[in-house]
Amino acid sequence: MVSFLNAASIAAVLTASATLRFRLWKQPRTLIFYFLFFLLAESLLHRYFLPEMAMGIEVAYVCFSLAGILTMVSIGLRRHEINVGSDE
């Protein structure tokens, strides 16, 4: 269970950072693909290459927090771009 939460949290933070970097909020299918790809990769990594408790639940807490922050920044940036675009 911990390994799945860690994999999901790492996938969430990687997807949120890709969203912010490449402005992927306009392409929801790409976001879903990124998340599923990272989730699969992290799950395989945890299952076959890492020991059972190599990373504790704290990693999930930190990564979900970072993903939340990046998501809020992405929403703010999107709203800012919309407001600046409507002013011109």
Protein backbone atom coordinates (compact mmCIF):
# COMPACT_ATOMS: atom_id res chain seq x y z
CA MET A 1 0.00 0.00 0.00
CA VAL A 2 2.79 2.41 0.87
CA SER A 3 4.60 1.66 -2.37
CA PHE A 4 1.45 2.43 -4.40
CA LEU A 5 0.92 5.71 -2.54
CA ASN A 6 4.55 6.64 -3.15
CA ALA A 7 4.24 5.78 -6.83
CA ALA A 8 1.01 7.79 -7.16
CA SER A 9 2.48 10.77 -5.34
CA ILE A 10 5.63 10.81 -7.46
CA ALA A 11 3.52 10.48 -10.61
CA ALA A 12 1.35 13.37 -9.40
CA VAL A 13 4.30 15.69 -8.78
CA LEU A 14 5.92 14.81 -12.11
CA THR A 15 2.64 15.38 -13.96
CA ALA A 16 2.02 18.67 -12.15
CA SER A 17 5.52 19.90 -12.97
CA ALA A 18 5.09 18.91 -16.63
CA THR A 19 1.76 20.76 -16.65
CA LEU A 20 3.40 23.91 -15.37
CA ARG A 21 6.46 23.65 -17.60
CA PHE A 22 4.75 22.79 -20.89
CA ARG A 23 1.36 24.48 -20.24
CA LEU A 24 -0.49 21.18 -20.64
CA TRP A 25 -3.75 22.36 -19.08
CA LYS A 26 -5.06 22.77 -22.62
CA GLN A 27 -4.49 19.05 -23.32
CA PRO A 28 -6.20 16.88 -20.67
CA ARG A 29 -5.58 13.64 -22.55
CA THR A 30 -1.86 14.31 -22.50
CA LEU A 31 -2.04 14.92 -18.76
CA ILE A 32 -3.81 11.60 -18.22
CA PHE A 33 -1.22 9.85 -20.39
CA TYR A 34 1.66 11.46 -18.45
CA PHE A 35 0.14 10.48 -15.10
CA LEU A 36 -0.52 6.88 -16.15
CA PHE A 37 2.95 6.55 -17.68
CA PHE A 38 4.66 7.86 -14.55
CA LEU A 39 2.42 5.75 -12.31
CA LEU A 40 3.25 2.60 -14.28
CA ALA A 41 6.96 3.37 -14.31
CA GLU A 42 7.07 4.11 -10.58
CA SER A 43 4.98 1.05 -9.73
CA LEU A 44 7.34 -1.19 -11.70
CA LEU A 45 10.32 0.47 -10.06
CA HIS A 46 8.89 -0.08 -6.58
CA ARG A 47 7.88 -3.65 -7.34
CA TYR A 48 11.05 -4.94 -8.97
CA PHE A 49 13.96 -2.72 -8.00
CA LEU A 50 13.35 -1.17 -4.59
CA PRO A 51 13.17 -2.97 -1.25
CA GLU A 52 9.76 -3.04 0.43
CA MET A 53 10.29 -0.09 2.77
CA ALA A 54 12.96 1.83 0.88
CA MET A 55 10.79 4.94 1.01
CA GLY A 56 8.40 5.60 3.83
CA ILE A 57 4.99 7.21 3.73
CA GLU A 58 6.66 10.57 4.30
CA VAL A 59 7.70 10.61 0.64
CA ALA A 60 4.03 10.46 -0.35
CA TYR A 61 3.19 13.34 2.02
CA VAL A 62 5.93 15.53 0.57
CA CYS A 63 5.18 14.67 -3.06
CA PHE A 64 1.41 15.17 -2.72
CA SER A 65 2.10 18.53 -1.03
CA LEU A 66 4.41 19.57 -3.86
CA ALA A 67 1.87 18.41 -6.44
CA GLY A 68 -0.80 20.49 -4.74
CA ILE A 69 1.42 23.56 -4.74
CA LEU A 70 2.33 23.09 -8.40
CA THR A 71 -1.33 22.62 -9.28
CA MET A 72 -2.27 25.86 -7.53
CA VAL A 73 0.54 27.69 -9.33
CA SER A 74 -0.64 26.26 -12.67
CA ILE A 75 -4.20 27.43 -12.01
CA GLY A 76 -2.94 30.87 -11.03
CA LEU A 77 -0.74 31.11 -14.11
CA ARG A 78 -3.61 30.05 -16.36
CA ARG A 79 -5.91 32.68 -14.87
CA HIS A 80 -3.18 35.31 -15.18
CA GLU A 81 -2.65 34.47 -18.85
CA ILE A 82 -6.40 34.69 -19.49
CA ASN A 83 -6.62 38.08 -17.75
CA VAL A 84 -3.59 39.49 -19.55
CA GLY A 85 -4.90 38.19 -22.87
CA SER A 86 -8.29 39.84 -22.37
CA ASP A 87 -6.71 43.22 -21.48
CA GLU A 88 -4.88 43.53 -24.79
